Amino acid sequence: MWVIDMQTWLDKLFFGNVVPRLKVTLKKLAEIITYATANEAGISVDVQPVCWRRPKGKACKCKLDINLDSDTDQIHWRCPACGNRGAVTGWQGECWDMTSTQLDACIILE
């Protein structure tokens, strides 16, 4: 199970040597945060994030089960097909937080 503090990972992105896999994972986490917080804010989201794992070398691509736990402010995800799962903290106020009014300084991860 992944347990990720976005603040720590963003520090690594800006101040460390970033390996390509970290960028891919950060992009997927940004999608998860955007999806969860948009649903929380009542914003309709048409595209549900998919799993990025590659069990046995083949892309999983199953839609993730995602929810925001309002008691802990953690966003949880789980892939019903391959079991990939985790929790994200430290997402509040970041540009992917759709519950925030501060959407003007978003980082685009490609």
N, C-alpha and C. Protein backbone atom coordinates (compact mmCIF):
# COMPACT_ATOMS: atom_id res chain seq x y z
N MET A 1 0.84 -1.19 0.00
CA MET A 1 0.00 0.00 0.00
C MET A 1 0.88 1.24 0.00
N TRP A 2 0.58 2.16 -0.88
CA TRP A 2 1.26 3.44 -0.93
C TRP A 2 0.66 4.36 0.13
N VAL A 3 1.49 5.11 0.83
CA VAL A 3 1.04 6.19 1.70
C VAL A 3 1.90 7.39 1.33
N ILE A 4 1.29 8.38 0.70
CA ILE A 4 2.04 9.46 0.06
C ILE A 4 1.65 10.81 0.63
N ASP A 5 2.65 11.57 1.03
CA ASP A 5 2.46 12.97 1.41
C ASP A 5 2.89 13.80 0.21
N MET A 6 1.93 14.46 -0.43
CA MET A 6 2.23 15.20 -1.66
C MET A 6 3.28 16.28 -1.45
N GLN A 7 3.34 16.89 -0.28
CA GLN A 7 4.34 17.93 -0.03
C GLN A 7 5.75 17.37 -0.17
N THR A 8 5.99 16.19 0.36
CA THR A 8 7.30 15.56 0.27
C THR A 8 7.63 15.22 -1.17
N TRP A 9 6.68 14.66 -1.89
CA TRP A 9 6.93 14.29 -3.28
C TRP A 9 7.15 15.51 -4.16
N LEU A 10 6.41 16.59 -3.91
CA LEU A 10 6.62 17.81 -4.70
C LEU A 10 7.99 18.40 -4.43
N ASP A 11 8.45 18.32 -3.19
CA ASP A 11 9.82 18.77 -2.88
C ASP A 11 10.83 17.98 -3.69
N LYS A 12 10.64 16.68 -3.81
CA LYS A 12 11.55 15.84 -4.60
C LYS A 12 11.50 16.23 -6.07
N LEU A 13 10.31 16.58 -6.55
CA LEU A 13 10.16 16.96 -7.94
C LEU A 13 10.95 18.23 -8.25
N PHE A 14 10.88 19.21 -7.36
CA PHE A 14 11.52 20.49 -7.62
C PHE A 14 12.97 20.57 -7.18
N PHE A 15 13.36 19.81 -6.17
CA PHE A 15 14.70 19.98 -5.60
C PHE A 15 15.57 18.74 -5.68
N GLY A 16 15.13 17.72 -6.33
CA GLY A 16 15.93 16.51 -6.41
C GLY A 16 16.05 16.03 -7.84
N ASN A 17 16.81 14.97 -8.00
CA ASN A 17 16.89 14.33 -9.30
C ASN A 17 15.66 13.45 -9.46
N VAL A 18 14.82 13.79 -10.42
CA VAL A 18 13.56 13.08 -10.58
C VAL A 18 13.70 12.01 -11.65
N VAL A 19 13.39 10.81 -11.26
CA VAL A 19 13.40 9.72 -12.23
C VAL A 19 12.06 9.72 -12.97
N PRO A 20 12.04 9.24 -14.20
CA PRO A 20 10.78 9.26 -14.97
C PRO A 20 9.62 8.58 -14.27
N ARG A 21 9.87 7.51 -13.54
CA ARG A 21 8.78 6.81 -12.85
C ARG A 21 8.10 7.70 -11.81
N LEU A 22 8.88 8.56 -11.15
CA LEU A 22 8.29 9.48 -10.17
C LEU A 22 7.35 10.46 -10.86
N LYS A 23 7.74 10.95 -12.03
CA LYS A 23 6.87 11.87 -12.77
C LYS A 23 5.56 11.19 -13.16
N VAL A 24 5.63 9.94 -13.60
CA VAL A 24 4.42 9.20 -13.98
C VAL A 24 3.52 9.03 -12.76
N THR A 25 4.11 8.66 -11.64
CA THR A 25 3.32 8.46 -10.42
C THR A 25 2.71 9.78 -9.95
N LEU A 26 3.48 10.87 -10.00
CA LEU A 26 2.93 12.17 -9.61
C LEU A 26 1.77 12.58 -10.51
N LYS A 27 1.88 12.30 -11.79
CA LYS A 27 0.80 12.62 -12.72
C LYS A 27 -0.46 11.84 -12.35
N LYS A 28 -0.31 10.56 -12.04
CA LYS A 28 -1.45 9.75 -11.65
C LYS A 28 -2.05 10.24 -10.33
N LEU A 29 -1.20 10.61 -9.37
CA LEU A 29 -1.69 11.14 -8.10
C LEU A 29 -2.45 12.44 -8.31
N ALA A 30 -1.97 13.28 -9.20
CA ALA A 30 -2.67 14.53 -9.52
C ALA A 30 -4.07 14.23 -10.07
N GLU A 31 -4.17 13.21 -10.92
CA GLU A 31 -5.47 12.81 -11.46
C GLU A 31 -6.39 12.31 -10.34
N ILE A 32 -5.84 11.53 -9.42
CA ILE A 32 -6.62 11.00 -8.30
C ILE A 32 -7.11 12.13 -7.41
N ILE A 33 -6.24 13.08 -7.09
CA ILE A 33 -6.62 14.22 -6.24
C ILE A 33 -7.69 15.06 -6.92
N THR A 34 -7.50 15.35 -8.20
CA THR A 34 -8.47 16.15 -8.94
C THR A 34 -9.83 15.46 -8.97
N TYR A 35 -9.82 14.17 -9.24
CA TYR A 35 -11.08 13.41 -9.31
C TYR A 35 -11.80 13.42 -7.95
N ALA A 36 -11.09 13.08 -6.89
CA ALA A 36 -11.69 12.99 -5.56
C ALA A 36 -12.22 14.33 -5.08
N THR A 37 -11.44 15.38 -5.26
CA THR A 37 -11.85 16.70 -4.75
C THR A 37 -12.93 17.33 -5.63
N ALA A 38 -12.92 17.04 -6.92
CA ALA A 38 -14.00 17.54 -7.79
C ALA A 38 -15.32 16.92 -7.38
N ASN A 39 -15.32 15.61 -7.12
CA ASN A 39 -16.54 14.97 -6.64
C ASN A 39 -17.01 15.58 -5.33
N GLU A 40 -16.06 15.85 -4.43
CA GLU A 40 -16.39 16.46 -3.13
C GLU A 40 -16.99 17.85 -3.32
N ALA A 41 -16.50 18.60 -4.33
CA ALA A 41 -16.98 19.96 -4.58
C ALA A 41 -18.23 19.99 -5.44
N GLY A 42 -18.71 18.81 -5.86
CA GLY A 42 -19.91 18.76 -6.68
C GLY A 42 -19.66 19.06 -8.14
N ILE A 43 -18.41 18.93 -8.58
CA ILE A 43 -18.06 19.17 -9.97
C ILE A 43 -18.12 17.84 -10.71
N SER A 44 -18.84 17.80 -11.80
CA SER A 44 -18.97 16.57 -12.56
C SER A 44 -17.65 16.22 -13.25
N VAL A 45 -17.24 14.97 -13.11
CA VAL A 45 -16.01 14.49 -13.73
C VAL A 45 -16.36 13.31 -14.61
N ASP A 46 -16.05 13.43 -15.90
CA ASP A 46 -16.42 12.37 -16.84
C ASP A 46 -15.43 11.22 -16.90
N VAL A 47 -14.15 11.51 -16.64
CA VAL A 47 -13.11 10.50 -16.79
C VAL A 47 -12.59 10.08 -15.42
N GLN A 48 -12.78 8.81 -15.12
CA GLN A 48 -12.30 8.25 -13.85
C GLN A 48 -10.87 7.75 -14.04
N PRO A 49 -9.95 8.11 -13.14
CA PRO A 49 -8.55 7.66 -13.28
C PRO A 49 -8.44 6.13 -13.32
N VAL A 50 -7.46 5.69 -14.09
CA VAL A 50 -7.23 4.25 -14.23
C VAL A 50 -5.90 3.88 -13.59
N CYS A 51 -5.76 2.61 -13.28
CA CYS A 51 -4.54 2.09 -12.65
C CYS A 51 -3.36 2.21 -13.60
N TRP A 52 -2.19 2.44 -13.04
CA TRP A 52 -0.97 2.59 -13.84
C TRP A 52 0.01 1.44 -13.66
N ARG A 53 -0.34 0.49 -12.80
CA ARG A 53 0.57 -0.65 -12.58
C ARG A 53 0.66 -1.52 -13.82
N ARG A 54 1.73 -2.27 -13.88
CA ARG A 54 1.96 -3.17 -15.00
C ARG A 54 2.26 -4.58 -14.48
N PRO A 55 1.24 -5.24 -13.92
CA PRO A 55 1.50 -6.60 -13.44
C PRO A 55 1.86 -7.53 -14.60
N LYS A 56 2.94 -8.26 -14.41
CA LYS A 56 3.45 -9.19 -15.43
C LYS A 56 3.73 -8.49 -16.76
N GLY A 57 4.09 -7.19 -16.69
CA GLY A 57 4.48 -6.44 -17.88
C GLY A 57 3.33 -5.94 -18.74
N LYS A 58 2.11 -6.17 -18.32
CA LYS A 58 0.95 -5.73 -19.09
C LYS A 58 0.19 -4.67 -18.31
N ALA A 59 -0.16 -3.56 -18.98
CA ALA A 59 -0.86 -2.46 -18.33
C ALA A 59 -2.20 -2.93 -17.75
N CYS A 60 -2.47 -2.53 -16.50
CA CYS A 60 -3.71 -2.91 -15.83
C CYS A 60 -4.89 -2.12 -16.44
N LYS A 61 -4.85 -0.81 -16.37
CA LYS A 61 -5.85 0.10 -16.95
C LYS A 61 -7.28 -0.05 -16.40
N CYS A 62 -7.43 -0.67 -15.24
CA CYS A 62 -8.74 -0.79 -14.60
C CYS A 62 -9.09 0.54 -13.91
N LYS A 63 -10.35 0.91 -13.91
CA LYS A 63 -10.77 2.14 -13.22
C LYS A 63 -10.58 1.98 -11.73
N LEU A 64 -10.02 3.02 -11.11
CA LEU A 64 -9.73 3.01 -9.68
C LEU A 64 -10.97 3.36 -8.86
N ASP A 65 -11.14 2.71 -7.72
CA ASP A 65 -12.12 3.13 -6.72
C ASP A 65 -11.46 4.22 -5.89
N ILE A 66 -12.04 5.41 -5.85
CA ILE A 66 -11.42 6.56 -5.18
C ILE A 66 -12.43 7.19 -4.24
N ASN A 67 -11.96 7.51 -3.02
CA ASN A 67 -12.82 8.25 -2.10
C ASN A 67 -11.99 9.15 -1.20
N LEU A 68 -12.63 10.20 -0.75
CA LEU A 68 -12.00 11.15 0.16
C LEU A 68 -12.59 10.94 1.55
N ASP A 69 -11.75 10.63 2.50
CA ASP A 69 -12.18 10.43 3.88
C ASP A 69 -12.16 11.79 4.57
N SER A 70 -13.33 12.36 4.81
CA SER A 70 -13.40 13.71 5.38
C SER A 70 -12.94 13.76 6.84
N ASP A 71 -12.91 12.62 7.52
CA ASP A 71 -12.43 12.60 8.90
C ASP A 71 -10.90 12.74 8.98
N THR A 72 -10.20 12.12 8.03
CA THR A 72 -8.73 12.14 8.07
C THR A 72 -8.12 13.02 6.99
N ASP A 73 -8.95 13.54 6.07
CA ASP A 73 -8.48 14.31 4.91
C ASP A 73 -7.52 13.51 4.04
N GLN A 74 -7.69 12.21 4.02
CA GLN A 74 -6.90 11.35 3.14
C GLN A 74 -7.75 10.95 1.94
N ILE A 75 -7.09 10.87 0.81
CA ILE A 75 -7.74 10.35 -0.39
C ILE A 75 -7.22 8.93 -0.56
N HIS A 76 -8.15 7.98 -0.63
CA HIS A 76 -7.81 6.57 -0.77
C HIS A 76 -8.15 6.11 -2.18
N TRP A 77 -7.28 5.26 -2.73
CA TRP A 77 -7.60 4.64 -4.01
C TRP A 77 -7.30 3.16 -3.92
N ARG A 78 -8.01 2.41 -4.77
CA ARG A 78 -7.81 0.96 -4.84
C ARG A 78 -8.18 0.49 -6.23
N CYS A 79 -7.36 -0.38 -6.77
CA CYS A 79 -7.65 -1.01 -8.06
C CYS A 79 -8.29 -2.36 -7.79
N PRO A 80 -9.53 -2.57 -8.23
CA PRO A 80 -10.19 -3.84 -7.98
C PRO A 80 -9.57 -5.01 -8.76
N ALA A 81 -8.82 -4.72 -9.81
CA ALA A 81 -8.25 -5.79 -10.63
C ALA A 81 -6.91 -6.28 -10.10
N CYS A 82 -5.97 -5.37 -9.83
CA CYS A 82 -4.61 -5.81 -9.47
C CYS A 82 -4.26 -5.57 -8.00
N GLY A 83 -5.12 -4.85 -7.27
CA GLY A 83 -4.87 -4.63 -5.85
C GLY A 83 -4.02 -3.42 -5.52
N ASN A 84 -3.58 -2.66 -6.53
CA ASN A 84 -2.84 -1.42 -6.27
C ASN A 84 -3.71 -0.52 -5.40
N ARG A 85 -3.14 -0.01 -4.31
CA ARG A 85 -3.94 0.85 -3.43
C ARG A 85 -3.04 1.79 -2.67
N GLY A 86 -3.64 2.84 -2.15
CA GLY A 86 -2.86 3.79 -1.38
C GLY A 86 -3.70 4.91 -0.81
N ALA A 87 -3.00 5.81 -0.14
CA ALA A 87 -3.63 6.97 0.47
C ALA A 87 -2.74 8.18 0.24
N VAL A 88 -3.36 9.33 -0.01
CA VAL A 88 -2.64 10.57 -0.27
C VAL A 88 -3.00 11.59 0.80
N THR A 89 -1.98 12.24 1.38
CA THR A 89 -2.18 13.36 2.30
C THR A 89 -1.44 14.56 1.73
N GLY A 90 -1.61 15.70 2.33
CA GLY A 90 -0.87 16.89 1.92
C GLY A 90 -1.34 17.47 0.59
N TRP A 91 -2.54 17.16 0.18
CA TRP A 91 -3.06 17.64 -1.10
C TRP A 91 -3.84 18.95 -0.98
N GLN A 92 -4.22 19.30 0.24
CA GLN A 92 -5.05 20.48 0.45
C GLN A 92 -4.32 21.75 -0.01
N GLY A 93 -5.02 22.56 -0.77
CA GLY A 93 -4.47 23.83 -1.22
C GLY A 93 -3.58 23.73 -2.45
N GLU A 94 -3.24 22.52 -2.88
CA GLU A 94 -2.46 22.37 -4.10
C GLU A 94 -3.37 22.64 -5.29
N CYS A 95 -2.78 22.85 -6.43
CA CYS A 95 -3.57 23.25 -7.59
C CYS A 95 -4.54 22.18 -8.06
N TRP A 96 -4.34 20.94 -7.68
CA TRP A 96 -5.23 19.85 -8.08
C TRP A 96 -6.43 19.73 -7.14
N ASP A 97 -6.44 20.50 -6.07
CA ASP A 97 -7.52 20.49 -5.08
C ASP A 97 -8.68 21.31 -5.62
N MET A 98 -9.71 20.64 -6.11
CA MET A 98 -10.86 21.33 -6.70
C MET A 98 -11.78 21.92 -5.65
N THR A 99 -11.53 21.64 -4.37
CA THR A 99 -12.32 22.26 -3.31
C THR A 99 -11.75 23.63 -2.96
N SER A 100 -10.58 23.95 -3.49
CA SER A 100 -9.90 25.21 -3.21
C SER A 100 -10.30 26.26 -4.24
N THR A 101 -10.21 27.51 -3.85
CA THR A 101 -10.47 28.60 -4.80
C THR A 101 -9.19 29.08 -5.44
N GLN A 102 -8.05 28.52 -5.07
CA GLN A 102 -6.75 28.94 -5.58
C GLN A 102 -6.32 28.01 -6.71
N LEU A 103 -6.91 28.17 -7.88
CA LEU A 103 -6.62 27.28 -9.00
C LEU A 103 -5.73 27.96 -10.05
N ASP A 104 -5.02 29.00 -9.69
CA ASP A 104 -4.31 29.78 -10.69
C ASP A 104 -2.85 29.40 -10.87
N ALA A 105 -2.27 28.55 -10.04
CA ALA A 105 -0.84 28.24 -10.13
C ALA A 105 -0.60 26.75 -10.26
N CYS A 106 -1.30 26.12 -11.16
CA CYS A 106 -1.20 24.67 -11.28
C CYS A 106 0.03 24.25 -12.05
N ILE A 107 0.60 23.13 -11.62
CA ILE A 107 1.76 22.54 -12.27
C ILE A 107 1.24 21.49 -13.23
N ILE A 108 1.63 21.60 -14.48
CA ILE A 108 1.23 20.62 -15.47
C ILE A 108 2.33 19.57 -15.55
N LEU A 109 2.00 18.33 -15.26
CA LEU A 109 2.95 17.23 -15.31
C LEU A 109 2.74 16.47 -16.61
N GLU A 110 3.75 16.43 -17.44
CA GLU A 110 3.64 15.71 -18.71
C GLU A 110 4.55 14.54 -18.74
